[in-house]
Amino acid sequence: MKKVLTLVTVVAFAASFTACKKDRTCVCPDDPSDQEFQTGKMSASDAETYCDSWDNWYDNAGQDSDCSLK
């Protein structure tokens, strides 16, 4: 019983370090409406980096679009 409990504890501990990957939505403000697109299955930090990479694509003249996760 002690071995099983130890194994369950190790697995639970290891699982706590894995990133939660799920579909996320990136929103880029663009006149006259916001542009939204799916990032695919990514962790929150990876999706934020991916979303930030779209900032230059949706810049309006003289404005910064600041794409962000929804």
PDB file of N, CA and C in Angstrom:
ATOM      1  N   MET A   1       0.821  -1.190   0.000  1.00  0.00           N
ATOM      2  CA  MET A   1       0.000   0.000   0.000  1.00  0.00           C
ATOM      3  C   MET A   1       0.869   1.259   0.000  1.00  0.00           C
ATOM      4  N   LYS A   2       1.986   1.184   0.707  1.00  0.00           N
ATOM      5  CA  LYS A   2       2.880   2.334   0.796  1.00  0.00           C
ATOM      6  C   LYS A   2       3.472   2.669  -0.572  1.00  0.00           C
ATOM      7  N   LYS A   3       3.790   1.633  -1.380  1.00  0.00           N
ATOM      8  CA  LYS A   3       4.340   1.851  -2.716  1.00  0.00           C
ATOM      9  C   LYS A   3       3.315   2.524  -3.626  1.00  0.00           C
ATOM     10  N   VAL A   4       2.071   2.108  -3.530  1.00  0.00           N
ATOM     11  CA  VAL A   4       1.015   2.689  -4.358  1.00  0.00           C
ATOM     12  C   VAL A   4       0.819   4.161  -4.003  1.00  0.00           C
ATOM     13  N   LEU A   5       0.783   4.461  -2.724  1.00  0.00           N
ATOM     14  CA  LEU A   5       0.616   5.834  -2.280  1.00  0.00           C
ATOM     15  C   LEU A   5       1.787   6.702  -2.723  1.00  0.00           C
ATOM     16  N   THR A   6       2.979   6.173  -2.658  1.00  0.00           N
ATOM     17  CA  THR A   6       4.168   6.900  -3.114  1.00  0.00           C
ATOM     18  C   THR A   6       4.097   7.156  -4.609  1.00  0.00           C
ATOM     19  N   LEU A   7       3.687   6.160  -5.374  1.00  0.00           N
ATOM     20  CA  LEU A   7       3.564   6.303  -6.818  1.00  0.00           C
ATOM     21  C   LEU A   7       2.519   7.351  -7.175  1.00  0.00           C
ATOM     22  N   VAL A   8       1.380   7.331  -6.519  1.00  0.00           N
ATOM     23  CA  VAL A   8       0.323   8.316  -6.766  1.00  0.00           C
ATOM     24  C   VAL A   8       0.823   9.721  -6.435  1.00  0.00           C
ATOM     25  N   THR A   9       1.558   9.860  -5.367  1.00  0.00           N
ATOM     26  CA  THR A   9       2.099  11.160  -4.975  1.00  0.00           C
ATOM     27  C   THR A   9       3.090  11.682  -6.013  1.00  0.00           C
ATOM     28  N   VAL A  10       3.958  10.815  -6.504  1.00  0.00           N
ATOM     29  CA  VAL A  10       4.942  11.215  -7.513  1.00  0.00           C
ATOM     30  C   VAL A  10       4.243  11.634  -8.805  1.00  0.00           C
ATOM     31  N   VAL A  11       3.256  10.878  -9.237  1.00  0.00           N
ATOM     32  CA  VAL A  11       2.520  11.213 -10.462  1.00  0.00           C
ATOM     33  C   VAL A  11       1.781  12.536 -10.304  1.00  0.00           C
ATOM     34  N   ALA A  12       1.137  12.754  -9.185  1.00  0.00           N
ATOM     35  CA  ALA A  12       0.421  14.013  -8.943  1.00  0.00           C
ATOM     36  C   ALA A  12       1.391  15.189  -8.914  1.00  0.00           C
ATOM     37  N   PHE A  13       2.547  15.002  -8.316  1.00  0.00           N
ATOM     38  CA  PHE A  13       3.552  16.056  -8.258  1.00  0.00           C
ATOM     39  C   PHE A  13       4.062  16.395  -9.658  1.00  0.00           C
ATOM     40  N   ALA A  14       4.331  15.386 -10.465  1.00  0.00           N
ATOM     41  CA  ALA A  14       4.809  15.610 -11.835  1.00  0.00           C
ATOM     42  C   ALA A  14       3.738  16.290 -12.684  1.00  0.00           C
ATOM     43  N   ALA A  15       2.491  15.927 -12.487  1.00  0.00           N
ATOM     44  CA  ALA A  15       1.397  16.514 -13.257  1.00  0.00           C
ATOM     45  C   ALA A  15       1.225  17.997 -12.942  1.00  0.00           C
ATOM     46  N   SER A  16       1.604  18.408 -11.750  1.00  0.00           N
ATOM     47  CA  SER A  16       1.455  19.820 -11.383  1.00  0.00           C
ATOM     48  C   SER A  16       2.413  20.712 -12.158  1.00  0.00           C
ATOM     49  N   PHE A  17       3.464  20.143 -12.762  1.00  0.00           N
ATOM     50  CA  PHE A  17       4.426  20.928 -13.522  1.00  0.00           C
ATOM     51  C   PHE A  17       4.088  21.019 -15.007  1.00  0.00           C
ATOM     52  N   THR A  18       3.121  20.267 -15.473  1.00  0.00           N
ATOM     53  CA  THR A  18       2.756  20.318 -16.883  1.00  0.00           C
ATOM     54  C   THR A  18       1.846  21.502 -17.133  1.00  0.00           C
ATOM     55  N   ALA A  19       2.039  22.138 -18.263  1.00  0.00           N
ATOM     56  CA  ALA A  19       1.231  23.302 -18.619  1.00  0.00           C
ATOM     57  C   ALA A  19      -0.133  22.859 -19.120  1.00  0.00           C
ATOM     58  N   CYS A  20      -1.138  23.601 -18.776  1.00  0.00           N
ATOM     59  CA  CYS A  20      -2.490  23.326 -19.238  1.00  0.00           C
ATOM     60  C   CYS A  20      -2.622  23.878 -20.655  1.00  0.00           C
ATOM     61  N   LYS A  21      -2.661  22.983 -21.634  1.00  0.00           N
ATOM     62  CA  LYS A  21      -2.773  23.412 -23.021  1.00  0.00           C
ATOM     63  C   LYS A  21      -4.223  23.318 -23.448  1.00  0.00           C
ATOM     64  N   LYS A  22      -4.740  24.417 -23.942  1.00  0.00           N
ATOM     65  CA  LYS A  22      -6.105  24.429 -24.449  1.00  0.00           C
ATOM     66  C   LYS A  22      -6.227  25.478 -25.538  1.00  0.00           C
ATOM     67  N   ASP A  23      -7.327  25.426 -26.269  1.00  0.00           N
ATOM     68  CA  ASP A  23      -7.582  26.414 -27.316  1.00  0.00           C
ATOM     69  C   ASP A  23      -7.831  27.760 -26.672  1.00  0.00           C
ATOM     70  N   ARG A  24      -7.180  28.775 -27.183  1.00  0.00           N
ATOM     71  CA  ARG A  24      -7.329  30.123 -26.648  1.00  0.00           C
ATOM     72  C   ARG A  24      -7.674  31.065 -27.789  1.00  0.00           C
ATOM     73  N   THR A  25      -8.220  32.225 -27.461  1.00  0.00           N
ATOM     74  CA  THR A  25      -8.620  33.211 -28.454  1.00  0.00           C
ATOM     75  C   THR A  25      -7.817  34.486 -28.278  1.00  0.00           C
ATOM     76  N   CYS A  26      -7.253  34.966 -29.372  1.00  0.00           N
ATOM     77  CA  CYS A  26      -6.507  36.219 -29.377  1.00  0.00           C
ATOM     78  C   CYS A  26      -7.395  37.288 -30.017  1.00  0.00           C
ATOM     79  N   VAL A  27      -7.445  38.458 -29.388  1.00  0.00           N
ATOM     80  CA  VAL A  27      -8.269  39.559 -29.878  1.00  0.00           C
ATOM     81  C   VAL A  27      -7.355  40.730 -30.221  1.00  0.00           C
ATOM     82  N   CYS A  28      -7.500  41.237 -31.451  1.00  0.00           N
ATOM     83  CA  CYS A  28      -6.727  42.392 -31.896  1.00  0.00           C
ATOM     84  C   CYS A  28      -7.702  43.510 -32.265  1.00  0.00           C
ATOM     85  N   PRO A  29      -7.678  44.626 -31.518  1.00  0.00           N
ATOM     86  CA  PRO A  29      -8.570  45.743 -31.851  1.00  0.00           C
ATOM     87  C   PRO A  29      -8.242  46.286 -33.240  1.00  0.00           C
ATOM     88  N   ASP A  30      -9.252  46.428 -34.048  1.00  0.00           N
ATOM     89  CA  ASP A  30      -9.081  46.935 -35.412  1.00  0.00           C
ATOM     90  C   ASP A  30     -10.368  47.641 -35.794  1.00  0.00           C
ATOM     91  N   ASP A  31     -10.273  48.857 -36.304  1.00  0.00           N
ATOM     92  CA  ASP A  31     -11.480  49.580 -36.696  1.00  0.00           C
ATOM     93  C   ASP A  31     -12.065  48.961 -37.939  1.00  0.00           C
ATOM     94  N   PRO A  32     -13.336  48.772 -38.067  1.00  0.00           N
ATOM     95  CA  PRO A  32     -14.399  49.142 -37.125  1.00  0.00           C
ATOM     96  C   PRO A  32     -14.731  48.047 -36.112  1.00  0.00           C
ATOM     97  N   SER A  33     -14.125  46.870 -36.224  1.00  0.00           N
ATOM     98  CA  SER A  33     -14.436  45.812 -35.258  1.00  0.00           C
ATOM     99  C   SER A  33     -13.153  45.086 -34.858  1.00  0.00           C
ATOM    100  N   ASP A  34     -13.239  44.310 -33.782  1.00  0.00           N
ATOM    101  CA  ASP A  34     -12.091  43.552 -33.309  1.00  0.00           C
ATOM    102  C   ASP A  34     -11.889  42.307 -34.174  1.00  0.00           C
ATOM    103  N   GLN A  35     -10.639  41.941 -34.363  1.00  0.00           N
ATOM    104  CA  GLN A  35     -10.291  40.717 -35.076  1.00  0.00           C
ATOM    105  C   GLN A  35      -9.985  39.648 -34.029  1.00  0.00           C
ATOM    106  N   GLU A  36     -10.596  38.487 -34.153  1.00  0.00           N
ATOM    107  CA  GLU A  36     -10.361  37.386 -33.227  1.00  0.00           C
ATOM    108  C   GLU A  36      -9.875  36.169 -34.003  1.00  0.00           C
ATOM    109  N   PHE A  37      -8.930  35.429 -33.410  1.00  0.00           N
ATOM    110  CA  PHE A  37      -8.491  34.181 -34.014  1.00  0.00           C
ATOM    111  C   PHE A  37      -8.060  33.214 -32.927  1.00  0.00           C
ATOM    112  N   GLN A  38      -8.160  31.922 -33.240  1.00  0.00           N
ATOM    113  CA  GLN A  38      -7.799  30.868 -32.311  1.00  0.00           C
ATOM    114  C   GLN A  38      -6.293  30.621 -32.367  1.00  0.00           C
ATOM    115  N   THR A  39      -5.691  30.390 -31.206  1.00  0.00           N
ATOM    116  CA  THR A  39      -4.256  30.105 -31.159  1.00  0.00           C
ATOM    117  C   THR A  39      -3.974  28.623 -31.310  1.00  0.00           C
ATOM    118  N   GLY A  40      -4.962  27.774 -31.131  1.00  0.00           N
ATOM    119  CA  GLY A  40      -4.732  26.335 -31.095  1.00  0.00           C
ATOM    120  C   GLY A  40      -4.385  25.916 -29.679  1.00  0.00           C
ATOM    121  N   LYS A  41      -4.054  24.674 -29.481  1.00  0.00           N
ATOM    122  CA  LYS A  41      -3.751  24.176 -28.136  1.00  0.00           C
ATOM    123  C   LYS A  41      -2.368  24.652 -27.714  1.00  0.00           C
ATOM    124  N   MET A  42      -2.352  25.617 -26.792  1.00  0.00           N
ATOM    125  CA  MET A  42      -1.114  26.194 -26.274  1.00  0.00           C
ATOM    126  C   MET A  42      -1.273  26.480 -24.792  1.00  0.00           C
ATOM    127  N   SER A  43      -0.144  26.549 -24.105  1.00  0.00           N
ATOM    128  CA  SER A  43      -0.176  26.995 -22.715  1.00  0.00           C
ATOM    129  C   SER A  43      -0.440  28.501 -22.721  1.00  0.00           C
ATOM    130  N   ALA A  44      -0.805  29.050 -21.590  1.00  0.00           N
ATOM    131  CA  ALA A  44      -1.140  30.476 -21.508  1.00  0.00           C
ATOM    132  C   ALA A  44       0.052  31.347 -21.892  1.00  0.00           C
ATOM    133  N   SER A  45       1.233  31.002 -21.423  1.00  0.00           N
ATOM    134  CA  SER A  45       2.402  31.838 -21.730  1.00  0.00           C
ATOM    135  C   SER A  45       2.774  31.763 -23.211  1.00  0.00           C
ATOM    136  N   ASP A  46       2.686  30.578 -23.820  1.00  0.00           N
ATOM    137  CA  ASP A  46       2.973  30.446 -25.246  1.00  0.00           C
ATOM    138  C   ASP A  46       1.925  31.184 -26.078  1.00  0.00           C
ATOM    139  N   ALA A  47       0.679  31.097 -25.685  1.00  0.00           N
ATOM    140  CA  ALA A  47      -0.393  31.774 -26.412  1.00  0.00           C
ATOM    141  C   ALA A  47      -0.239  33.290 -26.307  1.00  0.00           C
ATOM    142  N   GLU A  48       0.186  33.782 -25.161  1.00  0.00           N
ATOM    143  CA  GLU A  48       0.401  35.221 -24.987  1.00  0.00           C
ATOM    144  C   GLU A  48       1.517  35.715 -25.908  1.00  0.00           C
ATOM    145  N   THR A  49       2.592  34.953 -26.000  1.00  0.00           N
ATOM    146  CA  THR A  49       3.706  35.304 -26.893  1.00  0.00           C
ATOM    147  C   THR A  49       3.248  35.283 -28.343  1.00  0.00           C
ATOM    148  N   TYR A  50       2.495  34.255 -28.719  1.00  0.00           N
ATOM    149  CA  TYR A  50       1.973  34.142 -30.081  1.00  0.00           C
ATOM    150  C   TYR A  50       1.045  35.310 -30.408  1.00  0.00           C
ATOM    151  N   CYS A  51       0.192  35.645 -29.472  1.00  0.00           N
ATOM    152  CA  CYS A  51      -0.758  36.740 -29.669  1.00  0.00           C
ATOM    153  C   CYS A  51      -0.019  38.080 -29.808  1.00  0.00           C
ATOM    154  N   ASP A  52       0.992  38.289 -28.997  1.00  0.00           N
ATOM    155  CA  ASP A  52       1.782  39.526 -29.075  1.00  0.00           C
ATOM    156  C   ASP A  52       2.489  39.658 -30.419  1.00  0.00           C
ATOM    157  N   SER A  53       2.814  38.537 -31.042  1.00  0.00           N
ATOM    158  CA  SER A  53       3.505  38.582 -32.330  1.00  0.00           C
ATOM    159  C   SER A  53       2.613  39.149 -33.439  1.00  0.00           C
ATOM    160  N   TRP A  54       1.305  39.193 -33.212  1.00  0.00           N
ATOM    161  CA  TRP A  54       0.368  39.726 -34.204  1.00  0.00           C
ATOM    162  C   TRP A  54       0.155  41.231 -34.082  1.00  0.00           C
ATOM    163  N   ASP A  55       0.738  41.868 -33.069  1.00  0.00           N
ATOM    164  CA  ASP A  55       0.523  43.303 -32.858  1.00  0.00           C
ATOM    165  C   ASP A  55       0.807  44.140 -34.104  1.00  0.00           C
ATOM    166  N   ASN A  56       1.906  43.898 -34.802  1.00  0.00           N
ATOM    167  CA  ASN A  56       2.275  44.716 -35.958  1.00  0.00           C
ATOM    168  C   ASN A  56       1.335  44.522 -37.133  1.00  0.00           C
ATOM    169  N   TRP A  57       0.710  43.365 -37.238  1.00  0.00           N
ATOM    170  CA  TRP A  57      -0.202  43.107 -38.351  1.00  0.00           C
ATOM    171  C   TRP A  57      -1.481  43.916 -38.244  1.00  0.00           C
ATOM    172  N   TYR A  58      -1.917  44.193 -37.017  1.00  0.00           N
ATOM    173  CA  TYR A  58      -3.188  44.880 -36.840  1.00  0.00           C
ATOM    174  C   TYR A  58      -3.026  46.310 -36.366  1.00  0.00           C
ATOM    175  N   ASP A  59      -1.838  46.897 -36.528  1.00  0.00           N
ATOM    176  CA  ASP A  59      -1.639  48.302 -36.168  1.00  0.00           C
ATOM    177  C   ASP A  59      -2.396  49.187 -37.150  1.00  0.00           C
ATOM    178  N   ASN A  60      -3.163  50.102 -36.621  1.00  0.00           N
ATOM    179  CA  ASN A  60      -3.774  51.138 -37.439  1.00  0.00           C
ATOM    180  C   ASN A  60      -2.773  52.275 -37.546  1.00  0.00           C
ATOM    181  N   ALA A  61      -2.940  53.115 -38.523  1.00  0.00           N
ATOM    182  CA  ALA A  61      -2.008  54.232 -38.708  1.00  0.00           C
ATOM    183  C   ALA A  61      -1.944  55.071 -37.432  1.00  0.00           C
ATOM    184  N   GLY A  62      -0.758  55.129 -36.843  1.00  0.00           N
ATOM    185  CA  GLY A  62      -0.558  55.952 -35.652  1.00  0.00           C
ATOM    186  C   GLY A  62      -1.062  55.332 -34.361  1.00  0.00           C
ATOM    187  N   GLN A  63      -1.550  54.101 -34.393  1.00  0.00           N
ATOM    188  CA  GLN A  63      -2.060  53.460 -33.182  1.00  0.00           C
ATOM    189  C   GLN A  63      -1.419  52.094 -33.016  1.00  0.00           C
ATOM    190  N   ASP A  64      -1.280  51.659 -31.767  1.00  0.00           N
ATOM    191  CA  ASP A  64      -0.778  50.323 -31.474  1.00  0.00           C
ATOM    192  C   ASP A  64      -1.981  49.443 -31.159  1.00  0.00           C
ATOM    193  N   SER A  65      -2.068  48.277 -31.780  1.00  0.00           N
ATOM    194  CA  SER A  65      -3.262  47.454 -31.637  1.00  0.00           C
ATOM    195  C   SER A  65      -3.316  46.707 -30.291  1.00  0.00           C
ATOM    196  N   ASP A  66      -2.179  46.311 -29.760  1.00  0.00           N
ATOM    197  CA  ASP A  66      -2.117  45.588 -28.489  1.00  0.00           C
ATOM    198  C   ASP A  66      -3.033  44.362 -28.476  1.00  0.00           C
ATOM    199  N   CYS A  67      -2.733  43.397 -29.310  1.00  0.00           N
ATOM    200  CA  CYS A  67      -3.467  42.132 -29.298  1.00  0.00           C
ATOM    201  C   CYS A  67      -3.307  41.472 -27.940  1.00  0.00           C
ATOM    202  N   SER A  68      -4.359  40.822 -27.475  1.00  0.00           N
ATOM    203  CA  SER A  68      -4.309  40.174 -26.163  1.00  0.00           C
ATOM    204  C   SER A  68      -5.194  38.937 -26.149  1.00  0.00           C
ATOM    205  N   LEU A  69      -4.968  38.081 -25.175  1.00  0.00           N
ATOM    206  CA  LEU A  69      -5.803  36.885 -25.019  1.00  0.00           C
ATOM    207  C   LEU A  69      -7.158  37.263 -24.458  1.00  0.00           C
ATOM    208  N   LYS A  70      -8.157  36.585 -24.936  1.00  0.00           N
ATOM    209  CA  LYS A  70      -9.524  36.824 -24.460  1.00  0.00           C
ATOM    210  C   LYS A  70      -9.805  35.970 -23.274  1.00  0.00           C
TER     211      LYS A  70
END
